[in-house]
Protein backbone atom coordinates (compact mmCIF):
# COMPACT_ATOMS: atom_id res chain seq x y z
CA MET A 1 139.00 37.14 35.47
CA VAL A 2 137.75 39.97 33.54
CA VAL A 3 140.10 41.38 30.24
CA ASN A 4 140.92 44.85 31.60
CA PHE A 5 141.41 47.47 28.87
CA GLY A 6 141.46 50.40 31.58
CA ALA A 7 143.45 53.53 30.27
CA GLY A 8 143.83 54.47 33.97
CA PRO A 9 144.89 52.20 36.68
CA ALA A 10 144.98 49.35 34.26
CA LYS A 11 145.86 45.55 34.46
CA LEU A 12 148.52 44.05 36.12
CA PRO A 13 149.76 40.43 35.51
CA ALA A 14 148.60 37.73 37.45
CA GLU A 15 151.67 36.54 38.61
CA VAL A 16 152.40 39.39 40.43
CA LEU A 17 149.13 40.37 41.85
CA LEU A 18 149.50 36.18 43.00
CA GLU A 19 152.71 37.00 44.90
CA VAL A 20 151.35 40.38 46.63
CA GLN A 21 148.47 38.45 47.94
CA LYS A 22 150.86 35.68 48.89
CA GLU A 23 152.96 38.49 50.97
CA LEU A 24 150.20 40.30 51.91
CA VAL A 25 150.52 39.32 55.59
CA HIS A 26 154.01 38.49 56.10
CA HIS A 27 156.34 40.38 52.81
CA GLY A 28 159.42 38.13 53.11
CA ASN A 29 161.20 37.41 56.48
CA SER A 30 159.84 40.21 57.94
CA GLY A 31 156.79 38.58 59.64
CA MET A 32 154.68 41.90 58.69
CA SER A 33 153.36 43.47 55.86
CA VAL A 34 154.87 46.10 53.75
CA MET A 35 152.02 48.51 54.62
CA GLU A 36 152.79 47.84 58.21
CA MET A 37 156.82 48.44 57.50
CA SER A 38 158.45 51.77 58.87
CA HIS A 39 159.63 53.79 55.74
CA ARG A 40 163.30 54.09 57.46
CA GLY A 41 163.13 50.33 58.33
CA ALA A 42 165.76 48.05 56.79
CA ASP A 43 163.47 45.85 54.86
CA TYR A 44 161.06 48.48 53.52
CA ASN A 45 164.68 50.08 52.15
CA LYS A 46 165.62 46.89 50.17
CA ILE A 47 162.02 47.12 48.65
CA HIS A 48 163.30 50.73 47.62
CA GLU A 49 167.00 50.35 46.73
CA ASP A 50 165.50 46.95 44.68
CA THR A 51 163.37 49.08 42.68
CA ILE A 52 165.60 52.25 42.15
CA SER A 53 168.42 49.37 40.73
CA THR A 54 166.09 47.68 38.80
CA LEU A 55 164.89 50.76 36.96
CA GLN A 56 168.56 51.74 36.35
CA GLU A 57 169.15 48.12 34.69
CA LEU A 58 166.00 48.06 32.48
CA LEU A 59 166.59 51.95 31.17
CA ASP A 60 170.46 51.65 31.42
CA ILE A 61 170.48 55.05 33.20
CA PRO A 62 173.63 56.78 33.81
CA ASP A 63 175.53 57.50 37.42
CA ASP A 64 175.08 61.34 36.51
CA TYR A 65 170.42 60.71 36.30
CA GLN A 66 168.78 60.74 39.59
CA VAL A 67 165.81 58.28 39.81
CA LEU A 68 162.97 59.60 42.24
CA LEU A 69 160.21 57.80 43.71
CA LEU A 70 157.60 60.78 44.53
CA GLN A 71 154.46 61.04 45.92
CA GLY A 72 151.59 63.36 43.84
CA GLY A 73 151.08 61.77 40.47
CA GLY A 74 151.80 62.77 36.94
CA THR A 75 149.88 66.12 37.82
CA GLY A 76 152.00 66.81 41.33
CA LEU A 77 154.93 66.56 38.59
CA PHE A 78 152.70 69.32 36.36
CA ALA A 79 154.18 71.94 39.08
CA ALA A 80 157.17 70.04 40.65
CA VAL A 81 158.77 69.86 37.23
CA CYS A 82 158.31 74.05 36.75
CA LEU A 83 159.36 74.91 40.20
CA ASN A 84 162.62 73.02 39.89
CA LEU A 85 163.07 73.79 36.35
CA MET A 86 161.58 76.98 35.25
CA GLY A 87 163.42 79.22 37.18
CA ARG A 88 166.99 79.76 34.87
CA THR A 89 165.01 82.08 32.21
CA GLY A 90 161.10 82.21 33.00
CA VAL A 91 160.42 80.67 30.10
CA ALA A 92 159.70 77.21 28.72
CA ASP A 93 158.36 75.36 25.26
CA TYR A 94 155.32 73.16 25.53
CA VAL A 95 154.18 70.89 22.76
CA VAL A 96 150.57 70.10 23.25
CA THR A 97 149.41 67.40 21.65
CA GLY A 98 146.79 66.64 23.76
CA SER A 99 144.63 66.72 26.92
CA TRP A 100 147.44 65.85 29.80
CA SER A 101 150.27 68.09 28.04
CA ALA A 102 147.63 71.09 27.68
CA LYS A 103 147.02 70.42 31.48
CA ALA A 104 150.78 70.79 32.17
CA ALA A 105 150.97 73.89 30.10
CA LYS A 106 148.18 75.23 31.99
CA GLU A 107 150.30 74.62 35.36
CA ALA A 108 153.00 75.74 33.83
CA ALA A 109 151.83 78.87 33.44
CA LYS A 110 151.37 79.89 36.97
CA TYR A 111 155.28 79.51 37.05
CA GLY A 112 156.47 81.48 34.32
CA LYS A 113 156.36 82.17 30.38
CA VAL A 114 154.78 78.69 28.29
CA ASN A 115 155.88 79.29 24.63
CA MET A 116 153.03 77.42 22.91
CA VAL A 117 155.71 75.41 20.34
CA ILE A 118 152.54 74.79 18.01
CA PRO A 119 149.18 76.24 17.27
CA LYS A 120 146.61 75.23 19.86
CA THR A 121 144.01 73.21 18.47
CA ASN A 122 141.16 70.91 20.57
CA LYS A 123 141.37 67.95 17.81
CA TYR A 124 144.74 66.56 18.71
CA THR A 125 145.10 64.08 16.12
CA GLY A 126 148.74 63.54 15.31
CA VAL A 127 152.20 65.39 15.90
CA PRO A 128 153.53 67.96 13.58
CA ASP A 129 156.28 68.07 12.05
CA GLN A 130 159.10 69.52 13.79
CA LYS A 131 160.30 71.39 10.94
CA THR A 132 156.98 73.57 11.71
CA TRP A 133 157.84 74.30 15.55
CA LYS A 134 158.45 77.65 17.08
CA LEU A 135 161.14 76.95 19.82
CA ASP A 136 162.30 79.71 22.11
CA PRO A 137 166.21 79.63 22.31
CA ASN A 138 165.79 80.91 25.46
CA ALA A 139 163.77 77.95 27.16
CA SER A 140 164.90 76.53 30.31
CA TYR A 141 163.27 73.64 29.05
CA LEU A 142 161.20 71.50 25.90
CA TYR A 143 158.00 69.74 27.44
CA TYR A 144 156.01 67.07 25.72
CA CYS A 145 153.80 64.31 26.68
CA ASP A 146 155.12 60.89 24.69
CA ASN A 147 151.92 59.23 24.57
CA GLU A 148 148.28 60.90 24.95
CA THR A 149 146.01 58.35 26.28
CA VAL A 150 142.81 59.84 25.78
CA HIS A 151 143.39 61.04 21.69
CA GLY A 152 145.80 57.67 21.16
CA VAL A 153 148.67 60.36 19.88
CA GLU A 154 152.00 59.01 20.35
CA PHE A 155 155.78 60.27 19.48
CA ASN A 156 157.74 58.32 17.17
CA PHE A 157 160.97 60.44 17.74
CA ILE A 158 162.85 62.84 20.14
CA PRO A 159 163.05 66.02 19.87
CA GLU A 160 165.85 67.86 18.63
CA THR A 161 166.68 71.30 20.63
CA ASN A 162 169.71 72.03 20.13
CA GLY A 163 170.94 71.69 23.61
CA VAL A 164 167.62 72.93 25.84
CA PRO A 165 167.28 69.87 28.46
CA ILE A 166 164.24 67.72 27.35
CA VAL A 167 161.25 67.16 29.70
CA CYS A 168 159.29 63.99 29.19
CA ASP A 169 155.89 62.73 30.39
CA MET A 170 156.30 59.22 29.35
CA SER A 171 153.76 57.96 32.67
CA SER A 172 151.75 55.89 29.85
CA ASN A 173 154.53 54.28 27.68
CA ILE A 174 157.56 54.17 29.93
CA LEU A 175 159.25 50.80 29.81
CA SER A 176 157.01 49.81 26.62
CA ARG A 177 159.93 50.43 24.11
CA GLN A 178 163.74 51.18 24.83
CA PHE A 179 165.17 55.28 24.73
CA ASP A 180 168.10 56.63 25.21
CA ILE A 181 167.60 58.31 28.92
CA ARG A 182 170.57 60.48 28.02
CA LYS A 183 169.01 62.66 25.40
CA PHE A 184 166.54 63.95 28.05
CA GLY A 185 167.03 66.26 31.34
CA LEU A 186 163.78 64.40 32.70
CA VAL A 187 161.54 61.56 32.40
CA PHE A 188 158.43 61.01 34.83
CA GLY A 189 156.12 58.42 34.54
CA GLY A 190 152.84 57.74 36.96
CA ALA A 191 153.25 54.23 37.95
CA GLN A 192 149.66 53.36 37.42
CA LYS A 193 150.10 52.15 33.69
CA ASN A 194 153.24 50.11 32.82
CA ILE A 195 155.04 49.68 36.40
CA GLY A 196 152.63 48.74 38.90
CA PRO A 197 149.45 50.30 40.79
CA SER A 198 148.77 54.31 41.31
CA GLY A 199 150.33 55.74 44.10
CA ILE A 200 154.19 57.07 43.23
CA THR A 201 155.87 58.64 40.58
CA VAL A 202 159.38 57.56 39.24
CA VAL A 203 161.58 60.57 38.29
CA ILE A 204 164.74 60.45 36.44
CA VAL A 205 166.29 63.14 36.42
CA ARG A 206 169.77 64.41 35.30
CA LYS A 207 171.98 65.46 37.99
CA ASP A 208 173.11 68.92 36.88
CA LEU A 209 169.58 69.85 36.56
CA MET A 210 168.75 69.88 40.22
CA GLY A 211 169.28 72.24 43.38
CA ASN A 212 167.62 75.73 41.19
CA ALA A 213 164.22 75.13 42.55
CA MET A 214 162.38 78.47 42.96
CA THR A 215 161.92 79.62 46.51
CA VAL A 216 158.13 78.95 47.02
CA THR A 217 159.12 75.42 46.07
CA PRO A 218 157.29 72.56 48.70
CA SER A 219 160.15 70.90 50.59
CA ILE A 220 158.38 67.29 49.15
CA PHE A 221 158.69 68.34 45.10
CA ASP A 222 162.04 69.85 45.88
CA PHE A 223 164.35 67.43 43.83
CA ALA A 224 167.40 68.23 45.70
CA VAL A 225 166.64 69.00 49.30
CA LYS A 226 167.32 68.00 52.83
CA SER A 227 170.83 65.68 52.57
CA GLN A 228 172.82 69.04 52.04
CA MET A 229 172.28 70.17 55.21
CA ILE A 230 173.63 66.90 56.85
CA TYR A 231 176.75 66.71 54.68
CA ASN A 232 177.51 70.18 55.48
CA GLU A 233 177.59 69.16 59.16
CA ILE A 234 180.20 66.66 57.68
CA ALA A 235 182.08 69.13 56.08
CA ARG A 236 182.09 71.86 58.49
CA SER A 237 183.34 69.49 61.30
CA GLY A 238 187.06 69.12 60.24
CA GLY A 239 187.33 65.56 60.27
CA PHE A 240 184.91 64.95 63.50
CA TYR A 241 182.25 63.44 61.38
CA GLY A 242 183.61 61.31 57.95
CA CYS A 243 181.85 60.57 54.79
CA PRO A 244 183.08 57.87 53.26
CA VAL A 245 181.54 58.09 49.92
CA ASN A 246 183.75 60.54 47.11
CA GLU A 247 181.38 63.87 46.50
CA ASP A 248 180.69 63.48 43.48
CA SER A 249 178.98 60.19 43.97
CA ARG A 250 177.23 60.97 47.19
CA SER A 251 173.61 59.81 48.02
CA ARG A 252 170.69 61.92 48.81
CA MET A 253 168.33 59.60 49.45
CA ASN A 254 171.17 57.48 52.33
CA VAL A 255 173.94 59.77 54.12
CA PRO A 256 176.53 57.42 55.67
CA PHE A 257 178.99 58.46 58.23
CA ARG A 258 181.45 57.57 60.92
CA ILE A 259 182.03 59.87 64.30
CA GLY A 260 185.58 60.32 65.66
CA SER A 261 187.45 59.32 62.22
CA ILE A 262 186.68 57.46 58.91
CA GLU A 263 186.95 54.12 60.62
CA GLY A 264 184.89 55.54 63.47
CA ASP A 265 185.03 55.38 67.32
CA GLU A 266 182.50 52.87 68.31
CA ALA A 267 182.06 54.66 71.96
CA LEU A 268 181.57 58.03 70.26
CA GLU A 269 179.33 56.43 67.57
CA LYS A 270 176.84 54.54 70.11
CA GLU A 271 176.85 57.85 72.81
CA PHE A 272 175.44 59.74 69.39
CA LEU A 273 172.92 57.22 69.25
CA LYS A 274 171.86 57.15 72.64
CA GLY A 275 171.49 60.63 72.52
CA ALA A 276 169.43 60.94 69.20
CA GLU A 277 167.09 58.03 70.25
CA ALA A 278 166.84 60.32 73.41
CA ARG A 279 165.08 63.45 71.06
CA LYS A 280 163.56 60.65 69.52
CA MET A 281 164.98 60.13 66.19
CA VAL A 282 165.32 56.41 65.44
CA GLN A 283 167.12 53.89 63.29
CA LEU A 284 170.05 55.76 62.74
CA LYS A 285 172.39 53.15 63.01
CA GLY A 286 174.26 51.92 59.93
CA HIS A 287 173.94 49.07 58.00
CA ARG A 288 175.93 45.94 59.49
CA SER A 289 178.12 45.02 57.02
CA VAL A 290 179.42 48.56 57.00
CA GLY A 291 178.48 50.01 60.70
CA GLY A 292 178.56 53.72 61.88
CA ILE A 293 175.41 56.18 61.15
CA ARG A 294 173.46 56.32 58.08
CA ALA A 295 170.68 58.77 57.77
CA SER A 296 168.02 57.97 55.56
CA LEU A 297 165.99 61.34 53.76
CA TYR A 298 163.19 59.77 51.75
CA ASN A 299 159.83 62.11 50.93
CA ALA A 300 158.19 61.67 53.99
CA VAL A 301 161.18 63.25 56.07
CA THR A 302 160.60 66.64 56.43
CA ILE A 303 163.03 69.42 56.09
CA GLU A 304 162.23 70.30 59.40
CA ASP A 305 163.57 66.39 60.18
CA ALA A 306 166.55 67.29 58.91
CA GLU A 307 166.91 70.48 60.39
CA ALA A 308 166.85 68.45 63.45
CA LEU A 309 169.41 66.15 62.80
CA ALA A 310 171.57 68.79 61.85
CA LYS A 311 171.21 70.59 65.02
CA TYR A 312 172.14 67.75 66.92
CA MET A 313 174.78 66.84 65.09
CA ARG A 314 176.11 70.12 65.50
CA GLU A 315 175.69 70.10 69.41
CA PHE A 316 177.08 66.60 69.68
CA PHE A 317 180.28 67.65 67.85
CA GLU A 318 180.57 70.86 70.01
CA GLN A 319 180.35 68.70 73.30
CA HIS A 320 183.18 66.33 71.97
CA LYS A 321 185.22 68.09 69.70
CA LYS A 322 189.24 68.47 71.00
């Protein structure tokens, strides 16, 4: 094998490649390749949840942060960050220290006012002392790229912003050193460097920053979309549907609920699942260890899909309420 010093799609550990090779045809006990699995299936769901759990452990991510696995790469996040966070004040601080932060600032200018914190330059040779920065106290967030792959410029400190949320592109150095996620509002990283092959982006976002996306935000880039529709149907049913999870800890990705009572009426739940399948909504049965119903709302599940489920829940409730 060659020694791969690539800065984009990069070297992967030989043991990882060999494990992928071994399981390419049959992953675990599934009898199929990961590439053939349903993204809503139990086998893939375990991969998804294990990945998030491992990240939470490695980066000591507290419960008030959400881990998202998104499409679009780092470039897609240039827009997604603005669409989700810039609407609060319409202005954001950008520290441009290389090509990638420059691209991010250019994208952000489409959605609001960009305050260039340091003087514009075409020669990126370092990070100016923060004492020279010109921050906007009205900024919705401060954005910087922790490691610029083109110019080789890396931050050796976390900026002080006096409470303004920090957004950081860590695509090329995430998991290479410890950092305190609590100092950030949002951290993201494309996966083609330190955390796997290209094709996915890891986003770690503080939950209180979610739910304020601009109305023009594509649903796939809205950090807080989809699951609230289902929780709303549970709440408005007056106990007909019940969610066993505390409101402040409810998952956006996996919505478990019971029908008839908090313990569940198995006959009603069986009828609900049968009706759902007739409407081409499948794999809603809860995990065998807890039973009930579970709707998994990953990225490929559209707003229309969630609306269809919410509509069916409403119809089923109207038909069976006492």
